[in-house]
Amino acid sequence: INNDSEVPLHSRSTTDCAARGGSPVLLTEQEIAELLQQVGENWSVATTATSKGTQVQCLRLQLTMKNFLSAVDAVQKFAAIAEEFQHHPNLHIVDYKNLIVEFFTFSVQGLAINDFIMASKFDLVEVAVSKAKPKKKASSTAKSQ
């Protein structure tokens, strides 16, 4: 990774971003596992398709928001941070209130340190997630007649 391991991810800059003339490095599976421990528990490693149809590893966050407007509000907050640091995620609103955020580094076609830095910055953003509890499954011990 780099020697900034003592600095929290959310305090780091994305200075090695290709858009800023840097040379991002594809992370190893061990580095990914270590960095995943430093971001919020709702982030996971997944696979997504690029605009060219290539499958790449990504860092994914799935949130169920209170409603459509809270999903749009979260997108706007995330977009402002992405613009500030010039590292942009895929943002999807699905079924009106389910927000999916996906980070990967296009220039390395996978995960780089910047993806985890940005995920940790997003973790600090207050968004209106749903507090609804999942419905309980029907009991299978119902009396049969």
C-alpha atoms as a PDB file:
ATOM      1  CA  ILE A   1       0.000   0.000   0.000  1.00  0.00           C
ATOM      2  CA  ASN A   2       1.959   3.105   1.108  1.00  0.00           C
ATOM      3  CA  ASN A   3       3.607   4.443   4.214  1.00  0.00           C
ATOM      4  CA  ASP A   4       0.527   6.443   5.294  1.00  0.00           C
ATOM      5  CA  SER A   5      -0.840   3.416   7.169  1.00  0.00           C
ATOM      6  CA  GLU A   6      -0.924   5.374  10.440  1.00  0.00           C
ATOM      7  CA  VAL A   7      -3.088   8.114   8.887  1.00  0.00           C
ATOM      8  CA  PRO A   8      -6.820   7.220   8.853  1.00  0.00           C
ATOM      9  CA  LEU A   9      -8.115   6.587   5.339  1.00  0.00           C
ATOM     10  CA  HIS A  10     -10.659   9.425   5.535  1.00  0.00           C
ATOM     11  CA  SER A  11      -7.800  11.894   6.221  1.00  0.00           C
ATOM     12  CA  ARG A  12      -5.759  10.868   3.197  1.00  0.00           C
ATOM     13  CA  SER A  13      -5.740  12.581  -0.165  1.00  0.00           C
ATOM     14  CA  THR A  14      -6.239  10.876  -3.509  1.00  0.00           C
ATOM     15  CA  THR A  15      -3.108  12.512  -4.943  1.00  0.00           C
ATOM     16  CA  ASP A  16      -2.008   9.382  -6.806  1.00  0.00           C
ATOM     17  CA  CYS A  17      -5.182   9.482  -8.923  1.00  0.00           C
ATOM     18  CA  ALA A  18      -4.534   9.109 -12.655  1.00  0.00           C
ATOM     19  CA  ALA A  19      -6.622  12.236 -13.321  1.00  0.00           C
ATOM     20  CA  ARG A  20      -3.996  14.158 -11.330  1.00  0.00           C
ATOM     21  CA  GLY A  21      -1.052  12.637 -13.175  1.00  0.00           C
ATOM     22  CA  GLY A  22      -0.425   9.811 -10.722  1.00  0.00           C
ATOM     23  CA  SER A  23       0.010   6.108 -11.330  1.00  0.00           C
ATOM     24  CA  PRO A  24      -2.488   4.089  -9.276  1.00  0.00           C
ATOM     25  CA  VAL A  25      -1.479   0.531  -8.439  1.00  0.00           C
ATOM     26  CA  LEU A  26      -3.817  -2.466  -8.518  1.00  0.00           C
ATOM     27  CA  LEU A  27      -4.181  -3.810  -4.977  1.00  0.00           C
ATOM     28  CA  THR A  28      -3.466  -7.426  -4.077  1.00  0.00           C
ATOM     29  CA  GLU A  29      -6.156  -9.592  -2.477  1.00  0.00           C
ATOM     30  CA  GLN A  30      -4.320  -9.309   0.871  1.00  0.00           C
ATOM     31  CA  GLU A  31      -4.210  -5.501   0.647  1.00  0.00           C
ATOM     32  CA  ILE A  32      -7.919  -5.433  -0.237  1.00  0.00           C
ATOM     33  CA  ALA A  33      -8.769  -7.608   2.775  1.00  0.00           C
ATOM     34  CA  GLU A  34      -6.731  -5.345   5.081  1.00  0.00           C
ATOM     35  CA  LEU A  35      -8.252  -2.146   3.715  1.00  0.00           C
ATOM     36  CA  LEU A  36     -11.790  -3.537   3.843  1.00  0.00           C
ATOM     37  CA  GLN A  37     -11.363  -3.665   7.637  1.00  0.00           C
ATOM     38  CA  GLN A  38     -10.784   0.108   7.620  1.00  0.00           C
ATOM     39  CA  VAL A  39     -14.046   1.128   5.934  1.00  0.00           C
ATOM     40  CA  GLY A  40     -17.631   0.892   7.161  1.00  0.00           C
ATOM     41  CA  GLU A  41     -19.163  -2.536   7.624  1.00  0.00           C
ATOM     42  CA  ASN A  42     -21.644  -2.008   4.784  1.00  0.00           C
ATOM     43  CA  TRP A  43     -18.921  -1.938   2.119  1.00  0.00           C
ATOM     44  CA  SER A  44     -18.173  -5.173   0.281  1.00  0.00           C
ATOM     45  CA  VAL A  45     -15.981  -6.322  -2.579  1.00  0.00           C
ATOM     46  CA  ALA A  46     -18.023  -7.205  -5.651  1.00  0.00           C
ATOM     47  CA  THR A  47     -17.838  -7.307  -9.445  1.00  0.00           C
ATOM     48  CA  THR A  48     -19.299  -4.677 -11.753  1.00  0.00           C
ATOM     49  CA  ALA A  49     -19.254  -3.886 -15.462  1.00  0.00           C
ATOM     50  CA  THR A  50     -17.417  -0.895 -16.894  1.00  0.00           C
ATOM     51  CA  SER A  51     -18.978   1.272 -19.602  1.00  0.00           C
ATOM     52  CA  LYS A  52     -17.111  -0.935 -22.097  1.00  0.00           C
ATOM     53  CA  GLY A  53     -18.631  -4.103 -20.651  1.00  0.00           C
ATOM     54  CA  THR A  54     -15.476  -5.351 -18.935  1.00  0.00           C
ATOM     55  CA  GLN A  55     -16.036  -7.034 -15.569  1.00  0.00           C
ATOM     56  CA  VAL A  56     -13.909  -5.519 -12.782  1.00  0.00           C
ATOM     57  CA  GLN A  57     -13.619  -5.837  -9.026  1.00  0.00           C
ATOM     58  CA  CYS A  58     -15.251  -2.950  -7.160  1.00  0.00           C
ATOM     59  CA  LEU A  59     -15.985  -1.710  -3.671  1.00  0.00           C
ATOM     60  CA  ARG A  60     -19.792  -1.645  -3.234  1.00  0.00           C
ATOM     61  CA  LEU A  61     -22.110   0.031  -0.744  1.00  0.00           C
ATOM     62  CA  GLN A  62     -25.846  -0.739  -0.762  1.00  0.00           C
ATOM     63  CA  LEU A  63     -28.163   1.495   1.246  1.00  0.00           C
ATOM     64  CA  THR A  64     -31.930   1.495   1.631  1.00  0.00           C
ATOM     65  CA  MET A  65     -32.912   5.114   1.981  1.00  0.00           C
ATOM     66  CA  LYS A  66     -36.054   6.550   3.617  1.00  0.00           C
ATOM     67  CA  ASN A  67     -37.492   7.563   0.239  1.00  0.00           C
ATOM     68  CA  PHE A  68     -36.573   8.712  -3.262  1.00  0.00           C
ATOM     69  CA  LEU A  69     -35.669  12.255  -2.228  1.00  0.00           C
ATOM     70  CA  SER A  70     -33.317  11.032   0.494  1.00  0.00           C
ATOM     71  CA  ALA A  71     -31.618   8.821  -2.122  1.00  0.00           C
ATOM     72  CA  VAL A  72     -31.203  11.824  -4.437  1.00  0.00           C
ATOM     73  CA  ASP A  73     -29.890  13.904  -1.513  1.00  0.00           C
ATOM     74  CA  ALA A  74     -27.287  11.223  -0.731  1.00  0.00           C
ATOM     75  CA  VAL A  75     -26.226  11.127  -4.393  1.00  0.00           C
ATOM     76  CA  GLN A  76     -25.732  14.905  -4.340  1.00  0.00           C
ATOM     77  CA  LYS A  77     -23.646  14.744  -1.155  1.00  0.00           C
ATOM     78  CA  PHE A  78     -21.524  11.890  -2.525  1.00  0.00           C
ATOM     79  CA  ALA A  79     -21.122  13.661  -5.878  1.00  0.00           C
ATOM     80  CA  ALA A  80     -19.756  16.800  -4.191  1.00  0.00           C
ATOM     81  CA  ILE A  81     -17.072  14.762  -2.399  1.00  0.00           C
ATOM     82  CA  ALA A  82     -16.226  12.841  -5.569  1.00  0.00           C
ATOM     83  CA  GLU A  83     -15.769  16.108  -7.464  1.00  0.00           C
ATOM     84  CA  GLU A  84     -13.595  17.569  -4.720  1.00  0.00           C
ATOM     85  CA  PHE A  85     -11.220  14.598  -4.837  1.00  0.00           C
ATOM     86  CA  GLN A  86     -11.636  13.830  -8.562  1.00  0.00           C
ATOM     87  CA  HIS A  87     -12.418  10.159  -7.953  1.00  0.00           C
ATOM     88  CA  HIS A  88     -15.919   9.303  -9.081  1.00  0.00           C
ATOM     89  CA  PRO A  89     -18.039   6.251  -8.221  1.00  0.00           C
ATOM     90  CA  ASN A  90     -20.881   4.665 -10.110  1.00  0.00           C
ATOM     91  CA  LEU A  91     -24.070   5.780  -8.354  1.00  0.00           C
ATOM     92  CA  HIS A  92     -27.349   3.915  -8.937  1.00  0.00           C
ATOM     93  CA  ILE A  93     -30.820   4.491  -7.504  1.00  0.00           C
ATOM     94  CA  VAL A  94     -32.788   1.274  -7.889  1.00  0.00           C
ATOM     95  CA  ASP A  95     -36.492   0.773  -7.084  1.00  0.00           C
ATOM     96  CA  TYR A  96     -36.783   4.450  -6.049  1.00  0.00           C
ATOM     97  CA  LYS A  97     -34.968   4.279  -2.692  1.00  0.00           C
ATOM     98  CA  ASN A  98     -32.147   1.734  -2.911  1.00  0.00           C
ATOM     99  CA  LEU A  99     -28.808   3.435  -3.459  1.00  0.00           C
ATOM    100  CA  ILE A 100     -25.801   1.517  -4.772  1.00  0.00           C
ATOM    101  CA  VAL A 101     -22.334   3.103  -4.733  1.00  0.00           C
ATOM    102  CA  GLU A 102     -19.479   1.379  -6.584  1.00  0.00           C
ATOM    103  CA  PHE A 103     -15.845   2.458  -6.572  1.00  0.00           C
ATOM    104  CA  PHE A 104     -13.122   1.068  -8.794  1.00  0.00           C
ATOM    105  CA  THR A 105     -10.140   2.637 -10.504  1.00  0.00           C
ATOM    106  CA  PHE A 106     -10.639   2.637 -14.249  1.00  0.00           C
ATOM    107  CA  SER A 107      -6.945   3.034 -15.092  1.00  0.00           C
ATOM    108  CA  VAL A 108      -6.042  -0.227 -13.285  1.00  0.00           C
ATOM    109  CA  GLN A 109      -9.338  -2.009 -14.050  1.00  0.00           C
ATOM    110  CA  GLY A 110      -9.883  -2.902 -10.403  1.00  0.00           C
ATOM    111  CA  LEU A 111      -9.311  -1.682  -6.874  1.00  0.00           C
ATOM    112  CA  ALA A 112      -6.653   0.837  -5.853  1.00  0.00           C
ATOM    113  CA  ILE A 113      -6.043   2.688  -2.590  1.00  0.00           C
ATOM    114  CA  ASN A 114      -8.103   5.671  -3.784  1.00  0.00           C
ATOM    115  CA  ASP A 115     -11.250   3.535  -3.790  1.00  0.00           C
ATOM    116  CA  PHE A 116     -10.848   2.800  -0.093  1.00  0.00           C
ATOM    117  CA  ILE A 117      -9.913   6.393   0.722  1.00  0.00           C
ATOM    118  CA  MET A 118     -13.097   7.589  -0.956  1.00  0.00           C
ATOM    119  CA  ALA A 119     -15.234   4.900   0.709  1.00  0.00           C
ATOM    120  CA  SER A 120     -13.979   6.063   4.103  1.00  0.00           C
ATOM    121  CA  LYS A 121     -14.821   9.671   3.217  1.00  0.00           C
ATOM    122  CA  PHE A 122     -18.336   8.600   2.189  1.00  0.00           C
ATOM    123  CA  ASP A 123     -18.678   6.808   5.541  1.00  0.00           C
ATOM    124  CA  LEU A 124     -18.556  10.229   7.236  1.00  0.00           C
ATOM    125  CA  VAL A 125     -21.535  11.598   5.267  1.00  0.00           C
ATOM    126  CA  GLU A 126     -24.870  11.692   7.069  1.00  0.00           C
ATOM    127  CA  VAL A 127     -27.625  10.257   4.897  1.00  0.00           C
ATOM    128  CA  ALA A 128     -31.256   9.361   5.675  1.00  0.00           C
ATOM    129  CA  VAL A 129     -31.291   5.577   5.593  1.00  0.00           C
ATOM    130  CA  SER A 130     -34.425   3.577   6.321  1.00  0.00           C
ATOM    131  CA  LYS A 131     -34.763   2.276   9.862  1.00  0.00           C
ATOM    132  CA  ALA A 132     -37.260  -0.397   8.790  1.00  0.00           C
ATOM    133  CA  LYS A 133     -36.562  -3.840  10.153  1.00  0.00           C
ATOM    134  CA  PRO A 134     -36.768  -6.839   7.831  1.00  0.00           C
ATOM    135  CA  LYS A 135     -40.043  -8.703   7.972  1.00  0.00           C
ATOM    136  CA  LYS A 136     -39.938 -11.909   9.958  1.00  0.00           C
ATOM    137  CA  LYS A 137     -40.449 -15.102   8.032  1.00  0.00           C
ATOM    138  CA  ALA A 138     -43.679 -16.939   8.687  1.00  0.00           C
ATOM    139  CA  SER A 139     -43.260 -19.677  11.227  1.00  0.00           C
ATOM    140  CA  SER A 140     -43.000 -23.154   9.766  1.00  0.00           C
ATOM    141  CA  THR A 141     -44.488 -24.667  12.908  1.00  0.00           C
ATOM    142  CA  ALA A 142     -48.087 -23.797  11.992  1.00  0.00           C
ATOM    143  CA  LYS A 143     -50.601 -26.516  12.818  1.00  0.00           C
ATOM    144  CA  SER A 144     -51.553 -28.637   9.879  1.00  0.00           C
ATOM    145  CA  GLN A 145     -55.069 -29.862   9.501  1.00  0.00           C
END
